[in-house]
N, C-alpha and C. Protein backbone atom coordinates (compact mmCIF):
# COMPACT_ATOMS: atom_id res chain seq x y z
N MET A 1 0.83 -1.17 0.00
CA MET A 1 0.00 0.00 0.00
C MET A 1 0.88 1.23 0.00
N ARG A 2 0.55 2.18 -0.83
CA ARG A 2 1.34 3.40 -0.99
C ARG A 2 0.94 4.43 0.06
N ARG A 3 1.95 5.06 0.71
CA ARG A 3 1.66 6.09 1.71
C ARG A 3 1.42 7.42 1.02
N PRO A 4 0.49 8.24 1.60
CA PRO A 4 0.23 9.55 1.01
C PRO A 4 1.45 10.46 1.12
N SER A 5 1.61 11.30 0.14
CA SER A 5 2.75 12.22 0.15
C SER A 5 2.47 13.38 1.10
N PHE A 6 3.54 14.08 1.45
CA PHE A 6 3.43 15.25 2.32
C PHE A 6 2.52 16.30 1.69
N VAL A 7 2.62 16.51 0.38
CA VAL A 7 1.80 17.50 -0.32
C VAL A 7 0.32 17.12 -0.27
N SER A 8 0.00 15.85 -0.45
CA SER A 8 -1.41 15.44 -0.42
C SER A 8 -1.99 15.56 0.98
N ILE A 9 -1.18 15.29 1.99
CA ILE A 9 -1.64 15.45 3.37
C ILE A 9 -1.89 16.92 3.65
N CYS A 10 -0.98 17.81 3.26
CA CYS A 10 -1.15 19.25 3.47
C CYS A 10 -2.38 19.76 2.72
N SER A 11 -2.59 19.28 1.52
CA SER A 11 -3.76 19.69 0.74
C SER A 11 -5.05 19.27 1.44
N ALA A 12 -5.08 18.06 1.94
CA ALA A 12 -6.26 17.57 2.65
C ALA A 12 -6.53 18.38 3.91
N LEU A 13 -5.46 18.72 4.65
CA LEU A 13 -5.62 19.53 5.85
C LEU A 13 -6.11 20.94 5.51
N ALA A 14 -5.66 21.49 4.40
CA ALA A 14 -6.12 22.81 3.98
C ALA A 14 -7.60 22.79 3.65
N VAL A 15 -8.06 21.73 3.00
CA VAL A 15 -9.49 21.60 2.67
C VAL A 15 -10.31 21.50 3.94
N VAL A 16 -9.85 20.71 4.90
CA VAL A 16 -10.56 20.56 6.18
C VAL A 16 -10.63 21.89 6.90
N ALA A 17 -9.51 22.64 6.92
CA ALA A 17 -9.50 23.94 7.59
C ALA A 17 -10.45 24.92 6.90
N LEU A 18 -10.48 24.90 5.58
CA LEU A 18 -11.37 25.78 4.82
C LEU A 18 -12.83 25.45 5.13
N CYS A 19 -13.18 24.19 5.18
CA CYS A 19 -14.55 23.77 5.48
C CYS A 19 -14.92 24.17 6.91
N ALA A 20 -14.03 23.98 7.84
CA ALA A 20 -14.31 24.35 9.23
C ALA A 20 -14.53 25.85 9.36
N THR A 21 -13.77 26.64 8.63
CA THR A 21 -13.92 28.09 8.66
C THR A 21 -15.28 28.50 8.14
N SER A 22 -15.75 27.88 7.06
CA SER A 22 -17.04 28.27 6.49
C SER A 22 -18.19 27.82 7.38
N LEU A 23 -18.00 26.81 8.22
CA LEU A 23 -19.05 26.33 9.09
C LEU A 23 -19.08 27.07 10.43
N ARG A 24 -18.05 27.83 10.74
CA ARG A 24 -17.97 28.54 12.00
C ARG A 24 -19.12 29.55 12.09
N ALA A 25 -19.67 29.73 13.27
CA ALA A 25 -20.77 30.67 13.46
C ALA A 25 -20.31 32.07 13.08
N GLN A 26 -21.16 32.76 12.36
CA GLN A 26 -20.87 34.13 11.97
C GLN A 26 -21.25 35.07 13.11
N ALA A 27 -20.63 36.23 13.12
CA ALA A 27 -20.90 37.22 14.17
C ALA A 27 -22.34 37.70 14.08
N ARG A 28 -22.96 37.89 15.23
CA ARG A 28 -24.31 38.44 15.32
C ARG A 28 -24.20 39.90 15.68
N GLU A 29 -24.94 40.72 14.99
CA GLU A 29 -24.95 42.17 15.27
C GLU A 29 -26.37 42.60 15.61
N ALA A 30 -26.53 43.18 16.80
CA ALA A 30 -27.84 43.70 17.20
C ALA A 30 -28.10 45.01 16.47
N ILE A 31 -29.31 45.17 15.97
CA ILE A 31 -29.73 46.38 15.27
C ILE A 31 -30.68 47.15 16.19
N GLY A 32 -30.52 48.46 16.22
CA GLY A 32 -31.38 49.28 17.09
C GLY A 32 -30.91 49.20 18.53
N THR A 33 -31.74 49.62 19.42
CA THR A 33 -31.42 49.62 20.84
C THR A 33 -32.02 48.38 21.48
N PRO A 34 -31.18 47.40 21.84
CA PRO A 34 -31.74 46.20 22.43
C PRO A 34 -32.27 46.48 23.83
N SER A 35 -33.34 45.80 24.20
CA SER A 35 -33.86 45.87 25.56
C SER A 35 -33.37 44.60 26.26
N PRO A 36 -33.59 44.52 27.57
CA PRO A 36 -33.19 43.28 28.25
C PRO A 36 -33.92 42.05 27.72
N MET A 37 -35.08 42.26 27.06
CA MET A 37 -35.90 41.12 26.61
C MET A 37 -35.61 40.72 25.17
N LEU A 38 -35.27 41.67 24.29
CA LEU A 38 -35.09 41.34 22.87
C LEU A 38 -34.34 42.43 22.14
N SER A 39 -33.87 42.08 20.95
CA SER A 39 -33.27 43.05 20.04
C SER A 39 -34.30 43.37 18.96
N GLN A 40 -34.25 44.59 18.42
CA GLN A 40 -35.18 44.92 17.34
C GLN A 40 -34.92 44.07 16.12
N ALA A 41 -33.65 43.75 15.89
CA ALA A 41 -33.28 42.86 14.81
C ALA A 41 -31.87 42.36 15.07
N ILE A 42 -31.54 41.24 14.45
CA ILE A 42 -30.19 40.69 14.50
C ILE A 42 -29.75 40.47 13.06
N ARG A 43 -28.54 40.95 12.75
CA ARG A 43 -27.96 40.71 11.42
C ARG A 43 -26.87 39.66 11.58
N VAL A 44 -26.94 38.62 10.73
CA VAL A 44 -25.94 37.57 10.68
C VAL A 44 -25.57 37.40 9.22
N GLY A 45 -24.32 37.70 8.88
CA GLY A 45 -23.92 37.62 7.48
C GLY A 45 -24.75 38.58 6.65
N ASN A 46 -25.38 38.05 5.59
CA ASN A 46 -26.18 38.93 4.73
C ASN A 46 -27.68 38.83 5.04
N MET A 47 -28.03 38.25 6.20
CA MET A 47 -29.43 38.11 6.58
C MET A 47 -29.77 39.00 7.77
N VAL A 48 -31.01 39.51 7.77
CA VAL A 48 -31.53 40.31 8.88
C VAL A 48 -32.77 39.59 9.41
N TYR A 49 -32.77 39.37 10.73
CA TYR A 49 -33.88 38.70 11.41
C TYR A 49 -34.50 39.66 12.42
N PRO A 50 -35.53 40.41 12.01
CA PRO A 50 -36.18 41.34 12.94
C PRO A 50 -37.12 40.63 13.90
N SER A 51 -37.35 41.26 15.04
CA SER A 51 -38.40 40.79 15.94
C SER A 51 -39.74 41.08 15.28
N GLY A 52 -40.77 40.38 15.73
CA GLY A 52 -42.11 40.66 15.22
C GLY A 52 -42.51 42.08 15.55
N GLN A 53 -43.20 42.71 14.62
CA GLN A 53 -43.63 44.10 14.80
C GLN A 53 -45.15 44.14 15.01
N LEU A 54 -45.54 45.08 15.85
CA LEU A 54 -46.95 45.28 16.17
C LEU A 54 -47.38 46.66 15.66
N PRO A 55 -48.68 46.91 15.59
CA PRO A 55 -49.14 48.23 15.17
C PRO A 55 -48.80 49.29 16.21
N THR A 56 -48.69 50.52 15.76
CA THR A 56 -48.46 51.64 16.67
C THR A 56 -49.70 51.86 17.52
N ARG A 57 -49.47 52.13 18.80
CA ARG A 57 -50.59 52.35 19.72
C ARG A 57 -50.68 53.83 20.05
N GLY A 58 -51.81 54.23 20.56
CA GLY A 58 -51.98 55.61 21.00
C GLY A 58 -53.38 56.09 20.71
N ALA A 59 -53.64 57.32 21.15
CA ALA A 59 -54.98 57.88 21.02
C ALA A 59 -55.42 58.02 19.57
N ASN A 60 -54.49 58.31 18.67
CA ASN A 60 -54.84 58.55 17.27
C ASN A 60 -54.60 57.34 16.37
N ALA A 61 -54.30 56.20 16.96
CA ALA A 61 -53.99 55.00 16.16
C ALA A 61 -55.24 54.49 15.47
N ASP A 62 -55.08 54.07 14.23
CA ASP A 62 -56.17 53.47 13.45
C ASP A 62 -56.33 52.03 13.92
N THR A 63 -57.47 51.67 14.46
CA THR A 63 -57.67 50.34 15.02
C THR A 63 -58.29 49.34 14.05
N THR A 64 -58.54 49.76 12.78
CA THR A 64 -59.06 48.82 11.79
C THR A 64 -57.93 47.87 11.39
N ILE A 65 -58.29 46.72 10.81
CA ILE A 65 -57.25 45.79 10.37
C ILE A 65 -56.38 46.44 9.30
N GLU A 66 -56.97 47.26 8.44
CA GLU A 66 -56.18 47.95 7.41
C GLU A 66 -55.19 48.92 8.05
N GLY A 67 -55.67 49.70 9.01
CA GLY A 67 -54.80 50.65 9.69
C GLY A 67 -53.70 49.98 10.48
N GLN A 68 -54.06 48.90 11.16
CA GLN A 68 -53.05 48.18 11.94
C GLN A 68 -52.02 47.50 11.03
N THR A 69 -52.47 46.99 9.88
CA THR A 69 -51.53 46.37 8.94
C THR A 69 -50.56 47.40 8.41
N ARG A 70 -51.07 48.56 8.01
CA ARG A 70 -50.23 49.64 7.48
C ARG A 70 -49.21 50.07 8.55
N SER A 71 -49.67 50.29 9.77
CA SER A 71 -48.79 50.71 10.86
C SER A 71 -47.72 49.67 11.16
N THR A 72 -48.13 48.40 11.17
CA THR A 72 -47.19 47.32 11.45
C THR A 72 -46.14 47.21 10.36
N LEU A 73 -46.56 47.28 9.10
CA LEU A 73 -45.59 47.18 8.01
C LEU A 73 -44.68 48.41 7.94
N GLU A 74 -45.17 49.57 8.36
CA GLU A 74 -44.28 50.75 8.46
C GLU A 74 -43.22 50.50 9.52
N ASN A 75 -43.59 49.83 10.62
CA ASN A 75 -42.62 49.47 11.65
C ASN A 75 -41.61 48.46 11.12
N VAL A 76 -42.08 47.47 10.36
CA VAL A 76 -41.18 46.48 9.73
C VAL A 76 -40.20 47.21 8.83
N LYS A 77 -40.72 48.10 8.00
CA LYS A 77 -39.90 48.87 7.06
C LYS A 77 -38.82 49.67 7.79
N ARG A 78 -39.20 50.32 8.90
CA ARG A 78 -38.26 51.14 9.68
C ARG A 78 -37.14 50.28 10.25
N VAL A 79 -37.47 49.12 10.81
CA VAL A 79 -36.44 48.25 11.40
C VAL A 79 -35.50 47.72 10.32
N LEU A 80 -36.04 47.31 9.18
CA LEU A 80 -35.19 46.82 8.09
C LEU A 80 -34.27 47.92 7.58
N GLU A 81 -34.76 49.14 7.50
CA GLU A 81 -33.91 50.26 7.05
C GLU A 81 -32.83 50.56 8.08
N MET A 82 -33.14 50.43 9.38
CA MET A 82 -32.10 50.61 10.42
C MET A 82 -30.99 49.58 10.25
N ALA A 83 -31.35 48.41 9.75
CA ALA A 83 -30.38 47.32 9.55
C ALA A 83 -29.59 47.49 8.26
N GLY A 84 -29.98 48.43 7.41
CA GLY A 84 -29.25 48.66 6.16
C GLY A 84 -29.86 47.99 4.94
N THR A 85 -31.10 47.55 5.03
CA THR A 85 -31.77 46.92 3.91
C THR A 85 -33.12 47.58 3.70
N THR A 86 -33.96 47.00 2.86
CA THR A 86 -35.28 47.58 2.62
C THR A 86 -36.33 46.47 2.66
N ILE A 87 -37.56 46.90 2.71
CA ILE A 87 -38.67 45.93 2.72
C ILE A 87 -38.73 45.14 1.41
N ASP A 88 -38.23 45.72 0.32
CA ASP A 88 -38.20 45.00 -0.96
C ASP A 88 -37.20 43.83 -0.93
N ASN A 89 -36.31 43.80 0.08
CA ASN A 89 -35.37 42.70 0.22
C ASN A 89 -35.87 41.64 1.19
N ALA A 90 -37.12 41.78 1.66
CA ALA A 90 -37.70 40.76 2.53
C ALA A 90 -37.89 39.48 1.73
N VAL A 91 -37.51 38.35 2.33
CA VAL A 91 -37.62 37.07 1.63
C VAL A 91 -38.67 36.16 2.24
N LYS A 92 -39.00 36.35 3.51
CA LYS A 92 -39.98 35.50 4.18
C LYS A 92 -40.65 36.28 5.30
N CYS A 93 -41.97 36.38 5.25
CA CYS A 93 -42.74 37.06 6.29
C CYS A 93 -43.69 36.07 6.94
N THR A 94 -43.94 36.28 8.21
CA THR A 94 -44.96 35.53 8.93
C THR A 94 -45.92 36.54 9.52
N VAL A 95 -47.21 36.34 9.26
CA VAL A 95 -48.25 37.20 9.79
C VAL A 95 -49.03 36.39 10.82
N PHE A 96 -49.13 36.92 12.03
CA PHE A 96 -49.95 36.32 13.08
C PHE A 96 -51.18 37.22 13.20
N ILE A 97 -52.35 36.66 12.99
CA ILE A 97 -53.58 37.45 12.97
C ILE A 97 -54.59 36.78 13.90
N ILE A 98 -55.35 37.56 14.66
CA ILE A 98 -56.24 36.94 15.65
C ILE A 98 -57.62 36.60 15.11
N ASP A 99 -57.97 37.11 13.93
CA ASP A 99 -59.28 36.81 13.36
C ASP A 99 -59.13 36.52 11.87
N GLY A 100 -59.38 35.29 11.49
CA GLY A 100 -59.25 34.90 10.09
C GLY A 100 -60.14 35.73 9.16
N ALA A 101 -61.22 36.28 9.68
CA ALA A 101 -62.11 37.13 8.87
C ALA A 101 -61.41 38.43 8.47
N ASP A 102 -60.32 38.78 9.14
CA ASP A 102 -59.56 40.01 8.81
C ASP A 102 -58.53 39.79 7.71
N PHE A 103 -58.41 38.54 7.22
CA PHE A 103 -57.38 38.23 6.23
C PHE A 103 -57.47 39.13 5.00
N ALA A 104 -58.64 39.30 4.43
CA ALA A 104 -58.79 40.07 3.19
C ALA A 104 -58.37 41.52 3.41
N GLY A 105 -58.77 42.12 4.52
CA GLY A 105 -58.37 43.50 4.81
C GLY A 105 -56.87 43.63 5.01
N MET A 106 -56.27 42.67 5.72
CA MET A 106 -54.82 42.67 5.92
C MET A 106 -54.12 42.52 4.57
N ASN A 107 -54.58 41.58 3.77
CA ASN A 107 -53.93 41.29 2.50
C ASN A 107 -54.03 42.46 1.52
N ALA A 108 -55.13 43.19 1.54
CA ALA A 108 -55.30 44.35 0.65
C ALA A 108 -54.22 45.40 0.90
N VAL A 109 -53.88 45.62 2.16
CA VAL A 109 -52.83 46.60 2.50
C VAL A 109 -51.45 45.97 2.32
N TYR A 110 -51.29 44.73 2.76
CA TYR A 110 -50.01 44.03 2.71
C TYR A 110 -49.40 44.06 1.32
N ARG A 111 -50.19 43.76 0.31
CA ARG A 111 -49.64 43.66 -1.06
C ARG A 111 -49.19 44.99 -1.64
N THR A 112 -49.58 46.11 -1.03
CA THR A 112 -49.16 47.44 -1.53
C THR A 112 -47.75 47.80 -1.08
N PHE A 113 -47.15 47.05 -0.20
CA PHE A 113 -45.83 47.40 0.35
C PHE A 113 -44.66 46.91 -0.48
N TRP A 114 -44.90 46.09 -1.50
CA TRP A 114 -43.80 45.58 -2.32
C TRP A 114 -43.96 46.05 -3.76
N THR A 115 -42.83 46.52 -4.35
CA THR A 115 -42.87 46.99 -5.73
C THR A 115 -42.77 45.84 -6.72
N GLY A 116 -42.15 44.77 -6.31
CA GLY A 116 -42.03 43.59 -7.19
C GLY A 116 -42.76 42.43 -6.57
N ALA A 117 -42.22 41.27 -6.77
CA ALA A 117 -42.82 40.06 -6.18
C ALA A 117 -42.75 40.16 -4.66
N PRO A 118 -43.85 39.89 -3.98
CA PRO A 118 -43.80 39.92 -2.51
C PRO A 118 -42.99 38.73 -1.99
N PRO A 119 -42.55 38.81 -0.73
CA PRO A 119 -41.80 37.69 -0.16
C PRO A 119 -42.72 36.49 0.08
N ALA A 120 -42.10 35.35 0.30
CA ALA A 120 -42.86 34.18 0.73
C ALA A 120 -43.53 34.55 2.04
N ARG A 121 -44.71 33.98 2.29
CA ARG A 121 -45.44 34.37 3.51
C ARG A 121 -46.19 33.19 4.07
N THR A 122 -46.23 33.16 5.40
CA THR A 122 -47.09 32.26 6.15
C THR A 122 -48.01 33.14 6.98
N THR A 123 -49.30 32.82 6.97
CA THR A 123 -50.25 33.54 7.81
C THR A 123 -50.86 32.54 8.78
N VAL A 124 -50.82 32.88 10.06
CA VAL A 124 -51.28 31.98 11.11
C VAL A 124 -52.35 32.71 11.94
N VAL A 125 -53.47 32.07 12.13
CA VAL A 125 -54.50 32.61 13.02
C VAL A 125 -54.16 32.14 14.43
N VAL A 126 -54.06 33.12 15.35
CA VAL A 126 -53.70 32.82 16.74
C VAL A 126 -54.82 33.27 17.66
N LYS A 127 -54.84 32.73 18.87
CA LYS A 127 -55.88 33.08 19.83
C LYS A 127 -55.73 34.50 20.33
N ALA A 128 -54.50 34.94 20.57
CA ALA A 128 -54.27 36.29 21.11
C ALA A 128 -52.83 36.69 20.85
N LEU A 129 -52.57 37.98 20.98
CA LEU A 129 -51.20 38.53 20.90
C LEU A 129 -50.87 39.14 22.26
N VAL A 130 -49.61 39.43 22.47
CA VAL A 130 -49.15 39.94 23.77
C VAL A 130 -49.74 41.31 24.07
N VAL A 131 -49.93 42.15 23.07
CA VAL A 131 -50.42 43.50 23.28
C VAL A 131 -51.94 43.54 23.08
N PRO A 132 -52.69 43.89 24.13
CA PRO A 132 -54.14 43.97 23.99
C PRO A 132 -54.57 44.95 22.89
N GLY A 133 -55.53 44.56 22.09
CA GLY A 133 -56.03 45.41 21.01
C GLY A 133 -55.31 45.23 19.69
N ALA A 134 -54.14 44.59 19.72
CA ALA A 134 -53.41 44.34 18.46
C ALA A 134 -54.13 43.22 17.72
N LYS A 135 -54.37 43.44 16.44
CA LYS A 135 -55.06 42.44 15.62
C LYS A 135 -54.10 41.57 14.85
N LEU A 136 -52.82 42.02 14.74
CA LEU A 136 -51.83 41.24 14.03
C LEU A 136 -50.42 41.59 14.46
N GLU A 137 -49.51 40.71 14.15
CA GLU A 137 -48.07 40.91 14.35
C GLU A 137 -47.40 40.36 13.09
N ILE A 138 -46.37 41.07 12.63
CA ILE A 138 -45.70 40.64 11.39
C ILE A 138 -44.20 40.62 11.61
N GLU A 139 -43.55 39.55 11.15
CA GLU A 139 -42.10 39.50 11.12
C GLU A 139 -41.66 39.19 9.70
N CYS A 140 -40.63 39.90 9.26
CA CYS A 140 -40.13 39.72 7.88
C CYS A 140 -38.62 39.59 7.91
N ASN A 141 -38.08 38.45 7.54
CA ASN A 141 -36.64 38.26 7.39
C ASN A 141 -36.23 38.78 6.04
N ALA A 142 -35.05 39.41 5.97
CA ALA A 142 -34.61 40.05 4.74
C ALA A 142 -33.13 39.80 4.49
N VAL A 143 -32.72 39.94 3.23
CA VAL A 143 -31.32 39.88 2.87
C VAL A 143 -30.77 41.30 2.77
N MET A 144 -29.48 41.42 2.95
CA MET A 144 -28.83 42.71 2.76
C MET A 144 -28.67 42.94 1.25
N PRO A 145 -28.69 44.19 0.83
CA PRO A 145 -28.52 44.46 -0.60
C PRO A 145 -27.13 44.04 -1.09
N ALA A 146 -27.05 43.65 -2.34
CA ALA A 146 -25.75 43.28 -2.95
C ALA A 146 -24.86 44.52 -2.98
N ARG A 147 -23.60 44.31 -2.73
CA ARG A 147 -22.65 45.45 -2.74
C ARG A 147 -21.83 45.44 -3.98
């Protein structure tokens, strides 16, 4: 049986080192001002993972499903822009909605936020959300723009 040469052993070790480097965890960067409970978003490599966004609350807040959808997606847009990307770079969104009958109203506003093909989406009807009065929560993962 022939023994491997020094060059072939070094080549094999270089390939193993290269593979290990590519599998190493990438640095996580918090976007926005993190609270003790969560970060507004985390960027890892060319991906941005925002926390779920809720509609804006207050005396003048629009409480219709259309108004809450618009407000929530404006919040999503703001967080993605803080991270250095845009809502048009969203690749996967999840919508949590408390009343399936509100789907059409949510969808009518939702589709106006993308200039091209919208991201992949999952919509889930849930019993309740953490914030009383909120009709939906939306999270959208996005890629960073090409440089």
